[in-house]
Amino acid sequence: MAVGGALGLALIGTSEVSADIYKRVDRFGVIHYTNVPTDKRFYRVVIREMPRISALGGAMASYRAEPIRLRVESRAFDPIIANASRRYGVEQALVKAVIKAESGFQPNAVSPKGARGLMQLMPGTAQMHGVRNIHAPSDNIEGGVQHLRMLLDRYRNNVVLALAAYNAGEGWVDQYNGIPPFEETRNYVHRVLRFRQDYLQQAIASAR
């Protein structure tokens, strides 16, 4: 999906917690993603249906049981996100969606694997992008947005592949020439796309 152009993305919430995600390119070259294709002749599946809530268990089951909420806490970081997004040419809604999925906007978050901060940077990734204080919101977002930009460039602005690589690493995406068959990665991509759509809708509503 091109980041800089007009985008269409319809990920409509249903009573089900999992669904295939389809892609089509319209006559203007705009790429659309949806889980409710109006005519499957013009769409192709890019993410297969994920396991249902009973199969996920743990934290993911808890997440799926809750409706998506865009909390006020994200607004505290909006100026930093806007500045980094503008400088690196990465959509603000995408950056916010990644932060929401990665840390829930908690600057001091640390994963069991050692990823840290708002955008859950691994120490090596942070070092690669010159991040001085991995838990400082401005430094962490700067490094995370740089990394997203690098992945978007690597995968020719394909947001789905960039997100898969952000979660699993470029090596796995390259090996499978697409989203690797890991439940965690497929769930992650699905979550970020849903959050992103909500942030885009929120921005449209605020502009009215």
N, C-alpha and C. Protein backbone atom coordinates (compact mmCIF):
# COMPACT_ATOMS: atom_id res chain seq x y z
N MET A 1 0.84 -1.19 0.00
CA MET A 1 0.00 0.00 0.00
C MET A 1 0.88 1.24 0.00
N ALA A 2 0.64 2.16 -0.89
CA ALA A 2 1.42 3.38 -0.95
C ALA A 2 1.08 4.27 0.22
N VAL A 3 2.10 4.82 0.88
CA VAL A 3 1.87 5.66 2.04
C VAL A 3 1.51 7.07 1.63
N GLY A 4 2.09 7.56 0.56
CA GLY A 4 1.93 8.96 0.23
C GLY A 4 0.68 9.30 -0.53
N GLY A 5 0.00 8.32 -1.16
CA GLY A 5 -1.13 8.63 -2.02
C GLY A 5 -2.45 8.48 -1.32
N ALA A 6 -3.54 8.56 -2.09
CA ALA A 6 -4.86 8.35 -1.53
C ALA A 6 -5.01 6.88 -1.19
N LEU A 7 -5.59 6.59 0.00
CA LEU A 7 -5.66 5.22 0.46
C LEU A 7 -7.09 4.85 0.76
N GLY A 8 -7.44 3.60 0.48
CA GLY A 8 -8.74 3.08 0.89
C GLY A 8 -8.52 1.86 1.74
N LEU A 9 -9.11 1.84 2.95
CA LEU A 9 -8.92 0.72 3.85
C LEU A 9 -10.19 0.52 4.64
N ALA A 10 -10.91 -0.58 4.40
CA ALA A 10 -12.14 -0.84 5.12
C ALA A 10 -11.99 -2.12 5.90
N LEU A 11 -11.72 -2.00 7.20
CA LEU A 11 -11.65 -3.16 8.07
C LEU A 11 -12.79 -3.01 9.06
N ILE A 12 -13.93 -3.54 8.72
CA ILE A 12 -15.15 -3.28 9.45
C ILE A 12 -15.31 -4.31 10.55
N GLY A 13 -15.55 -3.87 11.79
CA GLY A 13 -15.70 -4.77 12.90
C GLY A 13 -16.96 -5.60 12.75
N THR A 14 -16.88 -6.88 13.09
CA THR A 14 -18.02 -7.77 13.06
C THR A 14 -18.08 -8.51 14.37
N SER A 15 -19.06 -9.37 14.50
CA SER A 15 -19.16 -10.17 15.70
C SER A 15 -18.08 -11.24 15.76
N GLU A 16 -17.46 -11.53 14.63
CA GLU A 16 -16.37 -12.50 14.61
C GLU A 16 -15.08 -11.81 14.99
N VAL A 17 -14.14 -12.58 15.56
CA VAL A 17 -12.87 -11.99 15.96
C VAL A 17 -11.78 -12.24 14.93
N SER A 18 -12.09 -12.94 13.86
CA SER A 18 -11.06 -13.19 12.85
C SER A 18 -11.70 -13.17 11.47
N ALA A 19 -10.91 -12.77 10.47
CA ALA A 19 -11.41 -12.72 9.11
C ALA A 19 -10.24 -12.57 8.17
N ASP A 20 -10.42 -13.09 6.93
CA ASP A 20 -9.41 -12.86 5.91
C ASP A 20 -9.36 -11.37 5.59
N ILE A 21 -8.19 -10.91 5.17
CA ILE A 21 -8.04 -9.54 4.69
C ILE A 21 -7.74 -9.61 3.20
N TYR A 22 -8.50 -8.86 2.41
CA TYR A 22 -8.40 -8.87 0.96
C TYR A 22 -7.82 -7.54 0.46
N LYS A 23 -7.27 -7.63 -0.74
CA LYS A 23 -6.65 -6.45 -1.36
C LYS A 23 -7.12 -6.34 -2.80
N ARG A 24 -7.36 -5.11 -3.25
CA ARG A 24 -7.59 -4.87 -4.68
C ARG A 24 -7.00 -3.52 -5.06
N VAL A 25 -6.67 -3.37 -6.31
CA VAL A 25 -6.16 -2.11 -6.85
C VAL A 25 -7.21 -1.57 -7.81
N ASP A 26 -7.69 -0.34 -7.55
CA ASP A 26 -8.74 0.20 -8.42
C ASP A 26 -8.13 0.83 -9.68
N ARG A 27 -8.97 1.37 -10.53
CA ARG A 27 -8.49 1.88 -11.82
C ARG A 27 -7.62 3.11 -11.70
N PHE A 28 -7.60 3.73 -10.51
CA PHE A 28 -6.74 4.89 -10.30
C PHE A 28 -5.42 4.50 -9.64
N GLY A 29 -5.25 3.21 -9.42
CA GLY A 29 -4.02 2.73 -8.79
C GLY A 29 -4.04 2.76 -7.29
N VAL A 30 -5.20 3.09 -6.68
CA VAL A 30 -5.32 3.13 -5.23
C VAL A 30 -5.53 1.72 -4.71
N ILE A 31 -4.79 1.35 -3.67
CA ILE A 31 -4.88 0.02 -3.10
C ILE A 31 -5.86 0.04 -1.93
N HIS A 32 -6.78 -0.93 -1.93
CA HIS A 32 -7.79 -1.03 -0.88
C HIS A 32 -7.63 -2.34 -0.13
N TYR A 33 -7.76 -2.29 1.20
CA TYR A 33 -7.77 -3.49 2.02
C TYR A 33 -9.12 -3.59 2.74
N THR A 34 -9.65 -4.78 2.84
CA THR A 34 -10.93 -4.97 3.50
C THR A 34 -11.07 -6.40 3.99
N ASN A 35 -11.94 -6.60 4.98
CA ASN A 35 -12.29 -7.96 5.37
C ASN A 35 -13.70 -8.32 4.91
N VAL A 36 -14.33 -7.41 4.15
CA VAL A 36 -15.67 -7.65 3.62
C VAL A 36 -15.72 -7.26 2.14
N PRO A 37 -15.06 -8.03 1.27
CA PRO A 37 -15.03 -7.68 -0.15
C PRO A 37 -16.42 -7.72 -0.77
N THR A 38 -16.74 -6.69 -1.53
CA THR A 38 -18.06 -6.64 -2.18
C THR A 38 -18.14 -7.60 -3.35
N ASP A 39 -17.02 -7.85 -3.99
CA ASP A 39 -16.98 -8.78 -5.12
C ASP A 39 -15.62 -9.44 -5.13
N LYS A 40 -15.56 -10.70 -4.75
CA LYS A 40 -14.27 -11.38 -4.58
C LYS A 40 -13.52 -11.57 -5.89
N ARG A 41 -14.18 -11.34 -7.02
CA ARG A 41 -13.46 -11.46 -8.30
C ARG A 41 -12.37 -10.42 -8.42
N PHE A 42 -12.52 -9.28 -7.72
CA PHE A 42 -11.58 -8.18 -7.86
C PHE A 42 -10.63 -8.08 -6.67
N TYR A 43 -10.70 -9.03 -5.74
CA TYR A 43 -9.85 -9.00 -4.55
C TYR A 43 -9.01 -10.27 -4.48
N ARG A 44 -7.88 -10.16 -3.81
CA ARG A 44 -7.10 -11.36 -3.50
C ARG A 44 -6.75 -11.33 -2.02
N VAL A 45 -6.65 -12.48 -1.41
CA VAL A 45 -6.37 -12.57 0.01
C VAL A 45 -4.90 -12.24 0.28
N VAL A 46 -4.65 -11.37 1.24
CA VAL A 46 -3.27 -11.08 1.64
C VAL A 46 -3.00 -11.58 3.06
N ILE A 47 -4.04 -11.76 3.89
CA ILE A 47 -3.89 -12.36 5.21
C ILE A 47 -5.02 -13.35 5.40
N ARG A 48 -4.68 -14.61 5.64
CA ARG A 48 -5.69 -15.63 5.85
C ARG A 48 -6.32 -15.51 7.24
N GLU A 49 -7.51 -16.06 7.37
CA GLU A 49 -8.24 -16.00 8.63
C GLU A 49 -7.39 -16.53 9.77
N MET A 50 -7.43 -15.80 10.88
CA MET A 50 -6.64 -16.17 12.05
C MET A 50 -7.45 -17.07 12.97
N PRO A 51 -6.79 -17.73 13.93
CA PRO A 51 -7.51 -18.59 14.87
C PRO A 51 -8.56 -17.81 15.64
N ARG A 52 -9.63 -18.48 16.01
CA ARG A 52 -10.67 -17.83 16.79
C ARG A 52 -10.20 -17.63 18.22
N ILE A 53 -10.98 -16.90 18.96
CA ILE A 53 -10.58 -16.49 20.29
C ILE A 53 -10.25 -17.68 21.19
N SER A 54 -11.00 -18.78 21.06
CA SER A 54 -10.78 -19.93 21.90
C SER A 54 -9.43 -20.57 21.66
N ALA A 55 -8.89 -20.39 20.45
CA ALA A 55 -7.60 -20.98 20.10
C ALA A 55 -6.44 -20.10 20.48
N LEU A 56 -6.70 -18.82 20.72
CA LEU A 56 -5.61 -17.89 20.99
C LEU A 56 -5.21 -17.90 22.45
N GLY A 57 -6.20 -17.77 23.34
CA GLY A 57 -5.92 -17.79 24.76
C GLY A 57 -5.09 -16.62 25.22
N GLY A 58 -4.82 -16.57 26.52
CA GLY A 58 -3.92 -15.59 27.09
C GLY A 58 -4.26 -14.15 26.76
N ALA A 59 -3.18 -13.37 26.52
CA ALA A 59 -3.34 -11.94 26.31
C ALA A 59 -4.12 -11.63 25.05
N MET A 60 -3.91 -12.43 23.97
CA MET A 60 -4.62 -12.14 22.73
C MET A 60 -6.11 -12.37 22.90
N ALA A 61 -6.50 -13.39 23.64
CA ALA A 61 -7.92 -13.62 23.88
C ALA A 61 -8.52 -12.45 24.63
N SER A 62 -7.78 -11.93 25.60
CA SER A 62 -8.26 -10.77 26.35
C SER A 62 -8.42 -9.58 25.44
N TYR A 63 -7.45 -9.40 24.52
CA TYR A 63 -7.55 -8.29 23.57
C TYR A 63 -8.78 -8.42 22.68
N ARG A 64 -9.02 -9.61 22.15
CA ARG A 64 -10.11 -9.80 21.23
C ARG A 64 -11.47 -9.65 21.91
N ALA A 65 -11.51 -9.92 23.20
CA ALA A 65 -12.78 -9.82 23.92
C ALA A 65 -13.18 -8.37 24.16
N GLU A 66 -12.23 -7.47 24.01
CA GLU A 66 -12.49 -6.05 24.26
C GLU A 66 -12.66 -5.32 22.94
N PRO A 67 -13.60 -4.36 22.86
CA PRO A 67 -13.70 -3.54 21.67
C PRO A 67 -12.48 -2.64 21.55
N ILE A 68 -12.14 -2.26 20.33
CA ILE A 68 -11.00 -1.37 20.13
C ILE A 68 -11.33 0.01 20.67
N ARG A 69 -10.47 0.54 21.51
CA ARG A 69 -10.67 1.88 22.06
C ARG A 69 -9.43 2.71 21.77
N LEU A 70 -9.61 3.89 21.30
CA LEU A 70 -8.50 4.81 21.07
C LEU A 70 -8.48 5.78 22.24
N ARG A 71 -7.62 5.54 23.17
CA ARG A 71 -7.66 6.28 24.42
C ARG A 71 -6.99 7.63 24.31
N VAL A 72 -7.31 8.46 25.30
CA VAL A 72 -6.80 9.82 25.31
C VAL A 72 -5.29 9.85 25.49
N GLU A 73 -4.71 8.77 26.09
CA GLU A 73 -3.28 8.80 26.39
C GLU A 73 -2.43 9.03 25.15
N SER A 74 -2.92 8.63 23.98
CA SER A 74 -2.14 8.77 22.76
C SER A 74 -1.89 10.23 22.41
N ARG A 75 -2.81 11.11 22.80
CA ARG A 75 -2.69 12.52 22.41
C ARG A 75 -1.46 13.20 23.00
N ALA A 76 -0.98 12.69 24.12
CA ALA A 76 0.20 13.29 24.75
C ALA A 76 1.42 13.21 23.85
N PHE A 77 1.44 12.22 22.95
CA PHE A 77 2.59 12.02 22.08
C PHE A 77 2.34 12.51 20.66
N ASP A 78 1.17 13.07 20.41
CA ASP A 78 0.82 13.51 19.05
C ASP A 78 1.84 14.48 18.44
N PRO A 79 2.33 15.51 19.18
CA PRO A 79 3.31 16.43 18.56
C PRO A 79 4.59 15.71 18.13
N ILE A 80 5.07 14.77 18.96
CA ILE A 80 6.29 14.04 18.61
C ILE A 80 6.04 13.16 17.40
N ILE A 81 4.90 12.47 17.39
CA ILE A 81 4.55 11.60 16.27
C ILE A 81 4.41 12.41 14.98
N ALA A 82 3.72 13.55 15.08
CA ALA A 82 3.51 14.39 13.90
C ALA A 82 4.84 14.87 13.32
N ASN A 83 5.75 15.28 14.18
CA ASN A 83 7.05 15.79 13.73
C ASN A 83 7.86 14.69 13.04
N ALA A 84 7.96 13.52 13.68
CA ALA A 84 8.74 12.43 13.09
C ALA A 84 8.08 11.91 11.81
N SER A 85 6.76 11.81 11.82
CA SER A 85 6.05 11.31 10.63
C SER A 85 6.27 12.23 9.44
N ARG A 86 6.22 13.51 9.69
CA ARG A 86 6.41 14.49 8.60
C ARG A 86 7.82 14.41 8.04
N ARG A 87 8.81 14.31 8.90
CA ARG A 87 10.21 14.31 8.45
C ARG A 87 10.58 13.04 7.68
N TYR A 88 9.98 11.92 8.05
CA TYR A 88 10.33 10.66 7.39
C TYR A 88 9.28 10.20 6.38
N GLY A 89 8.21 10.98 6.24
CA GLY A 89 7.20 10.64 5.24
C GLY A 89 6.44 9.37 5.56
N VAL A 90 6.13 9.16 6.84
CA VAL A 90 5.36 8.00 7.27
C VAL A 90 4.03 8.50 7.84
N GLU A 91 2.96 7.88 7.46
CA GLU A 91 1.63 8.30 7.87
C GLU A 91 1.48 8.28 9.40
N GLN A 92 0.94 9.37 9.96
CA GLN A 92 0.77 9.47 11.40
C GLN A 92 -0.11 8.37 11.97
N ALA A 93 -1.21 8.06 11.28
CA ALA A 93 -2.12 7.03 11.76
C ALA A 93 -1.42 5.68 11.86
N LEU A 94 -0.52 5.40 10.94
CA LEU A 94 0.22 4.14 10.97
C LEU A 94 1.16 4.11 12.17
N VAL A 95 1.86 5.21 12.42
CA VAL A 95 2.78 5.27 13.56
C VAL A 95 2.02 5.08 14.87
N LYS A 96 0.89 5.77 15.01
CA LYS A 96 0.10 5.64 16.23
C LYS A 96 -0.43 4.21 16.39
N ALA A 97 -0.80 3.60 15.29
CA ALA A 97 -1.31 2.23 15.35
C ALA A 97 -0.23 1.26 15.81
N VAL A 98 0.99 1.46 15.33
CA VAL A 98 2.11 0.61 15.75
C VAL A 98 2.37 0.79 17.24
N ILE A 99 2.38 2.04 17.69
CA ILE A 99 2.62 2.30 19.12
C ILE A 99 1.52 1.66 19.97
N LYS A 100 0.27 1.81 19.52
CA LYS A 100 -0.86 1.23 20.26
C LYS A 100 -0.70 -0.28 20.37
N ALA A 101 -0.34 -0.94 19.28
CA ALA A 101 -0.19 -2.39 19.29
C ALA A 101 1.05 -2.84 20.06
N GLU A 102 2.12 -2.05 19.97
CA GLU A 102 3.38 -2.46 20.57
C GLU A 102 3.40 -2.27 22.09
N SER A 103 2.96 -1.11 22.56
CA SER A 103 3.15 -0.79 23.98
C SER A 103 1.92 -0.22 24.67
N GLY A 104 0.85 0.05 23.91
CA GLY A 104 -0.30 0.70 24.52
C GLY A 104 0.04 2.09 25.03
N PHE A 105 1.01 2.75 24.38
CA PHE A 105 1.45 4.10 24.73
C PHE A 105 2.10 4.16 26.12
N GLN A 106 2.83 3.11 26.48
CA GLN A 106 3.56 3.08 27.74
C GLN A 106 5.06 3.23 27.47
N PRO A 107 5.66 4.40 27.76
CA PRO A 107 7.07 4.64 27.43
C PRO A 107 8.05 3.68 28.09
N ASN A 108 7.69 3.15 29.26
CA ASN A 108 8.61 2.28 29.98
C ASN A 108 8.36 0.79 29.74
N ALA A 109 7.54 0.48 28.74
CA ALA A 109 7.23 -0.92 28.45
C ALA A 109 8.48 -1.69 28.05
N VAL A 110 8.59 -2.92 28.56
CA VAL A 110 9.69 -3.83 28.21
C VAL A 110 9.08 -5.19 27.92
N SER A 111 9.40 -5.76 26.76
CA SER A 111 8.85 -7.07 26.40
C SER A 111 9.74 -8.17 26.95
N PRO A 112 9.21 -9.40 27.02
CA PRO A 112 10.04 -10.53 27.48
C PRO A 112 11.28 -10.74 26.62
N LYS A 113 11.22 -10.29 25.35
CA LYS A 113 12.38 -10.46 24.46
C LYS A 113 13.36 -9.30 24.54
N GLY A 114 13.01 -8.27 25.34
CA GLY A 114 13.92 -7.15 25.52
C GLY A 114 13.62 -5.93 24.69
N ALA A 115 12.51 -5.93 23.93
CA ALA A 115 12.11 -4.73 23.18
C ALA A 115 11.63 -3.68 24.17
N ARG A 116 11.92 -2.41 23.87
CA ARG A 116 11.69 -1.37 24.87
C ARG A 116 11.00 -0.13 24.30
N GLY A 117 10.26 0.51 25.21
CA GLY A 117 9.69 1.82 24.89
C GLY A 117 8.41 1.77 24.09
N LEU A 118 7.96 2.95 23.68
CA LEU A 118 6.70 3.10 22.98
C LEU A 118 6.60 2.24 21.73
N MET A 119 7.65 2.22 20.92
CA MET A 119 7.62 1.47 19.68
C MET A 119 8.37 0.15 19.78
N GLN A 120 8.68 -0.25 21.03
CA GLN A 120 9.27 -1.55 21.32
C GLN A 120 10.48 -1.85 20.44
N LEU A 121 11.49 -1.01 20.58
CA LEU A 121 12.72 -1.18 19.83
C LEU A 121 13.64 -2.16 20.53
N MET A 122 14.19 -3.09 19.79
CA MET A 122 15.25 -3.92 20.32
C MET A 122 16.51 -3.07 20.43
N PRO A 123 17.38 -3.34 21.40
CA PRO A 123 18.59 -2.52 21.56
C PRO A 123 19.40 -2.37 20.28
N GLY A 124 19.53 -3.46 19.51
CA GLY A 124 20.29 -3.37 18.26
C GLY A 124 19.65 -2.45 17.25
N THR A 125 18.32 -2.49 17.17
CA THR A 125 17.60 -1.60 16.25
C THR A 125 17.76 -0.16 16.70
N ALA A 126 17.64 0.07 18.01
CA ALA A 126 17.81 1.42 18.54
C ALA A 126 19.20 1.97 18.24
N GLN A 127 20.20 1.13 18.41
CA GLN A 127 21.58 1.56 18.12
C GLN A 127 21.75 1.87 16.64
N MET A 128 21.16 1.05 15.79
CA MET A 128 21.27 1.25 14.34
C MET A 128 20.73 2.62 13.92
N HIS A 129 19.67 3.06 14.61
CA HIS A 129 19.05 4.34 14.24
C HIS A 129 19.48 5.50 15.15
N GLY A 130 20.52 5.30 15.93
CA GLY A 130 21.08 6.38 16.73
C GLY A 130 20.23 6.82 17.90
N VAL A 131 19.43 5.91 18.46
CA VAL A 131 18.58 6.25 19.59
C VAL A 131 19.45 6.31 20.86
N ARG A 132 19.43 7.46 21.53
CA ARG A 132 20.26 7.64 22.72
C ARG A 132 19.58 7.09 23.97
N ASN A 133 18.34 7.49 24.21
CA ASN A 133 17.59 7.03 25.38
C ASN A 133 16.38 6.26 24.89
N ILE A 134 16.44 4.96 24.98
CA ILE A 134 15.43 4.11 24.36
C ILE A 134 14.05 4.28 25.00
N HIS A 135 14.00 4.77 26.23
CA HIS A 135 12.71 4.95 26.88
C HIS A 135 12.19 6.39 26.80
N ALA A 136 12.98 7.30 26.29
CA ALA A 136 12.51 8.68 26.10
C ALA A 136 11.57 8.70 24.90
N PRO A 137 10.34 9.18 25.07
CA PRO A 137 9.37 9.15 23.96
C PRO A 137 9.89 9.73 22.66
N SER A 138 10.54 10.89 22.72
CA SER A 138 11.01 11.51 21.48
C SER A 138 12.08 10.67 20.79
N ASP A 139 13.01 10.11 21.56
CA ASP A 139 14.06 9.28 20.99
C ASP A 139 13.50 7.97 20.45
N ASN A 140 12.62 7.35 21.21
CA ASN A 140 12.07 6.06 20.81
C ASN A 140 11.21 6.19 19.55
N ILE A 141 10.36 7.20 19.52
CA ILE A 141 9.51 7.41 18.33
C ILE A 141 10.36 7.75 17.12
N GLU A 142 11.40 8.56 17.32
CA GLU A 142 12.31 8.89 16.23
C GLU A 142 12.91 7.62 15.63
N GLY A 143 13.41 6.74 16.49
CA GLY A 143 14.01 5.51 16.00
C GLY A 143 12.99 4.58 15.37
N GLY A 144 11.81 4.50 15.97
CA GLY A 144 10.77 3.62 15.43
C GLY A 144 10.27 4.07 14.08
N VAL A 145 10.09 5.37 13.91
CA VAL A 145 9.62 5.89 12.62
C VAL A 145 10.70 5.72 11.56
N GLN A 146 11.96 5.94 11.94
CA GLN A 146 13.05 5.67 11.00
C GLN A 146 13.02 4.21 10.55
N HIS A 147 12.78 3.31 11.50
CA HIS A 147 12.77 1.89 11.16
C HIS A 147 11.60 1.56 10.24
N LEU A 148 10.44 2.14 10.52
CA LEU A 148 9.28 1.95 9.64
C LEU A 148 9.58 2.46 8.23
N ARG A 149 10.21 3.62 8.14
CA ARG A 149 10.57 4.19 6.84
C ARG A 149 11.50 3.25 6.08
N MET A 150 12.47 2.70 6.79
CA MET A 150 13.41 1.78 6.17
C MET A 150 12.68 0.54 5.63
N LEU A 151 11.73 0.02 6.41
CA LEU A 151 11.00 -1.17 5.99
C LEU A 151 10.04 -0.85 4.84
N LEU A 152 9.41 0.30 4.88
CA LEU A 152 8.53 0.70 3.78
C LEU A 152 9.32 0.85 2.49
N ASP A 153 10.52 1.40 2.58
CA ASP A 153 11.37 1.52 1.39
C ASP A 153 11.78 0.13 0.89
N ARG A 154 12.13 -0.74 1.81
CA ARG A 154 12.58 -2.09 1.45
C ARG A 154 11.49 -2.87 0.72
N TYR A 155 10.24 -2.68 1.17
CA TYR A 155 9.12 -3.43 0.59
C TYR A 155 8.23 -2.57 -0.30
N ARG A 156 8.83 -1.53 -0.87
CA ARG A 156 8.16 -0.69 -1.88
C ARG A 156 6.81 -0.16 -1.40
N ASN A 157 6.82 0.36 -0.17
CA ASN A 157 5.64 0.97 0.45
C ASN A 157 4.48 0.00 0.67
N ASN A 158 4.79 -1.29 0.73
CA ASN A 158 3.78 -2.28 1.08
C ASN A 158 3.65 -2.30 2.60
N VAL A 159 2.58 -1.70 3.11
CA VAL A 159 2.42 -1.56 4.55
C VAL A 159 2.32 -2.92 5.24
N VAL A 160 1.61 -3.85 4.64
CA VAL A 160 1.43 -5.17 5.24
C VAL A 160 2.78 -5.86 5.44
N LEU A 161 3.62 -5.86 4.41
CA LEU A 161 4.93 -6.51 4.54
C LEU A 161 5.84 -5.75 5.51
N ALA A 162 5.76 -4.42 5.49
CA ALA A 162 6.56 -3.63 6.42
C ALA A 162 6.18 -3.95 7.86
N LEU A 163 4.90 -4.08 8.13
CA LEU A 163 4.45 -4.41 9.49
C LEU A 163 4.88 -5.82 9.88
N ALA A 164 4.78 -6.75 8.95
CA ALA A 164 5.23 -8.12 9.24
C ALA A 164 6.71 -8.13 9.58
N ALA A 165 7.49 -7.34 8.85
CA ALA A 165 8.93 -7.27 9.12
C ALA A 165 9.22 -6.56 10.42
N TYR A 166 8.41 -5.56 10.76
CA TYR A 166 8.59 -4.85 12.03
C TYR A 166 8.42 -5.82 13.19
N ASN A 167 7.51 -6.76 13.04
CA ASN A 167 7.23 -7.72 14.10
C ASN A 167 8.18 -8.91 14.07
N ALA A 168 8.37 -9.52 12.91
CA ALA A 168 9.12 -10.78 12.83
C ALA A 168 10.55 -10.61 12.34
N GLY A 169 10.83 -9.48 11.68
CA GLY A 169 12.15 -9.28 11.09
C GLY A 169 12.14 -9.48 9.59
N GLU A 170 13.01 -8.76 8.91
CA GLU A 170 13.04 -8.83 7.46
C GLU A 170 13.41 -10.22 6.93
N GLY A 171 14.25 -10.92 7.67
CA GLY A 171 14.71 -12.23 7.21
C GLY A 171 13.56 -13.20 6.99
N TRP A 172 12.60 -13.22 7.91
CA TRP A 172 11.47 -14.13 7.77
C TRP A 172 10.56 -13.72 6.62
N VAL A 173 10.33 -12.40 6.48
CA VAL A 173 9.48 -11.92 5.38
C VAL A 173 10.12 -12.25 4.05
N ASP A 174 11.43 -12.06 3.95
CA ASP A 174 12.13 -12.37 2.71
C ASP A 174 12.12 -13.87 2.43
N GLN A 175 12.29 -14.67 3.47
CA GLN A 175 12.32 -16.12 3.29
C GLN A 175 11.00 -16.65 2.74
N TYR A 176 9.88 -16.11 3.24
CA TYR A 176 8.57 -16.58 2.80
C TYR A 176 7.99 -15.73 1.67
N ASN A 177 8.73 -14.69 1.27
CA ASN A 177 8.28 -13.79 0.21
C ASN A 177 6.86 -13.28 0.51
N GLY A 178 6.65 -12.92 1.76
CA GLY A 178 5.34 -12.44 2.20
C GLY A 178 5.26 -12.53 3.71
N ILE A 179 4.05 -12.50 4.24
CA ILE A 179 3.87 -12.60 5.69
C ILE A 179 4.23 -14.02 6.13
N PRO A 180 5.16 -14.17 7.07
CA PRO A 180 5.52 -15.52 7.52
C PRO A 180 4.35 -16.17 8.25
N PRO A 181 4.28 -17.49 8.25
CA PRO A 181 3.13 -18.19 8.82
C PRO A 181 3.20 -18.31 10.34
N PHE A 182 3.42 -17.17 10.99
CA PHE A 182 3.49 -17.16 12.45
C PHE A 182 2.21 -16.52 12.99
N GLU A 183 1.56 -17.18 13.92
CA GLU A 183 0.33 -16.65 14.49
C GLU A 183 0.52 -15.26 15.07
N GLU A 184 1.63 -15.08 15.80
CA GLU A 184 1.89 -13.78 16.42
C GLU A 184 1.97 -12.68 15.37
N THR A 185 2.69 -12.94 14.28
CA THR A 185 2.88 -11.92 13.25
C THR A 185 1.59 -11.61 12.53
N ARG A 186 0.81 -12.62 12.19
CA ARG A 186 -0.46 -12.39 11.50
C ARG A 186 -1.44 -11.64 12.41
N ASN A 187 -1.48 -12.01 13.68
CA ASN A 187 -2.32 -11.27 14.63
C ASN A 187 -1.87 -9.82 14.74
N TYR A 188 -0.56 -9.62 14.77
CA TYR A 188 0.00 -8.28 14.91
C TYR A 188 -0.38 -7.40 13.71
N VAL A 189 -0.19 -7.91 12.51
CA VAL A 189 -0.53 -7.14 11.32
C VAL A 189 -2.02 -6.79 11.32
N HIS A 190 -2.83 -7.75 11.67
CA HIS A 190 -4.28 -7.53 11.69
C HIS A 190 -4.64 -6.44 12.70
N ARG A 191 -4.05 -6.49 13.88
CA ARG A 191 -4.32 -5.48 14.91
C ARG A 191 -3.91 -4.09 14.46
N VAL A 192 -2.68 -3.98 13.94
CA VAL A 192 -2.19 -2.65 13.53
C VAL A 192 -3.07 -2.06 12.44
N LEU A 193 -3.48 -2.87 11.48
CA LEU A 193 -4.34 -2.36 10.41
C LEU A 193 -5.68 -1.87 10.95
N ARG A 194 -6.22 -2.58 11.93
CA ARG A 194 -7.48 -2.15 12.53
C ARG A 194 -7.31 -0.85 13.30
N PHE A 195 -6.25 -0.76 14.10
CA PHE A 195 -5.98 0.47 14.84
C PHE A 195 -5.78 1.63 13.87
N ARG A 196 -5.05 1.37 12.81
CA ARG A 196 -4.76 2.42 11.83
C ARG A 196 -6.04 2.96 11.22
N GLN A 197 -6.94 2.06 10.85
CA GLN A 197 -8.20 2.51 10.28
C GLN A 197 -8.98 3.37 11.26
N ASP A 198 -8.97 3.00 12.53
CA ASP A 198 -9.68 3.79 13.53
C ASP A 198 -9.05 5.17 13.69
N TYR A 199 -7.72 5.25 13.66
CA TYR A 199 -7.06 6.55 13.77
C TYR A 199 -7.34 7.41 12.54
N LEU A 200 -7.40 6.80 11.37
CA LEU A 200 -7.73 7.56 10.17
C LEU A 200 -9.15 8.13 10.27
N GLN A 201 -10.09 7.32 10.73
CA GLN A 201 -11.46 7.78 10.90
C GLN A 201 -11.54 8.87 11.95
N GLN A 202 -10.75 8.73 13.01
CA GLN A 202 -10.72 9.74 14.05
C GLN A 202 -10.20 11.07 13.51
N ALA A 203 -9.18 11.01 12.67
CA ALA A 203 -8.63 12.24 12.08
C ALA A 203 -9.63 12.90 11.15
N ILE A 204 -10.36 12.11 10.38
CA ILE A 204 -11.39 12.66 9.49
C ILE A 204 -12.49 13.35 10.30
N ALA A 205 -12.91 12.69 11.38
CA ALA A 205 -13.96 13.27 12.22
C ALA A 205 -13.51 14.57 12.87
N SER A 206 -12.24 14.64 13.28
CA SER A 206 -11.72 15.85 13.92
C SER A 206 -11.60 17.01 12.95
N ALA A 207 -11.42 16.69 11.66
CA ALA A 207 -11.24 17.73 10.66
C ALA A 207 -12.55 18.35 10.21
N ARG A 208 -13.67 17.76 10.57
CA ARG A 208 -14.97 18.27 10.12
C ARG A 208 -15.36 19.51 10.91
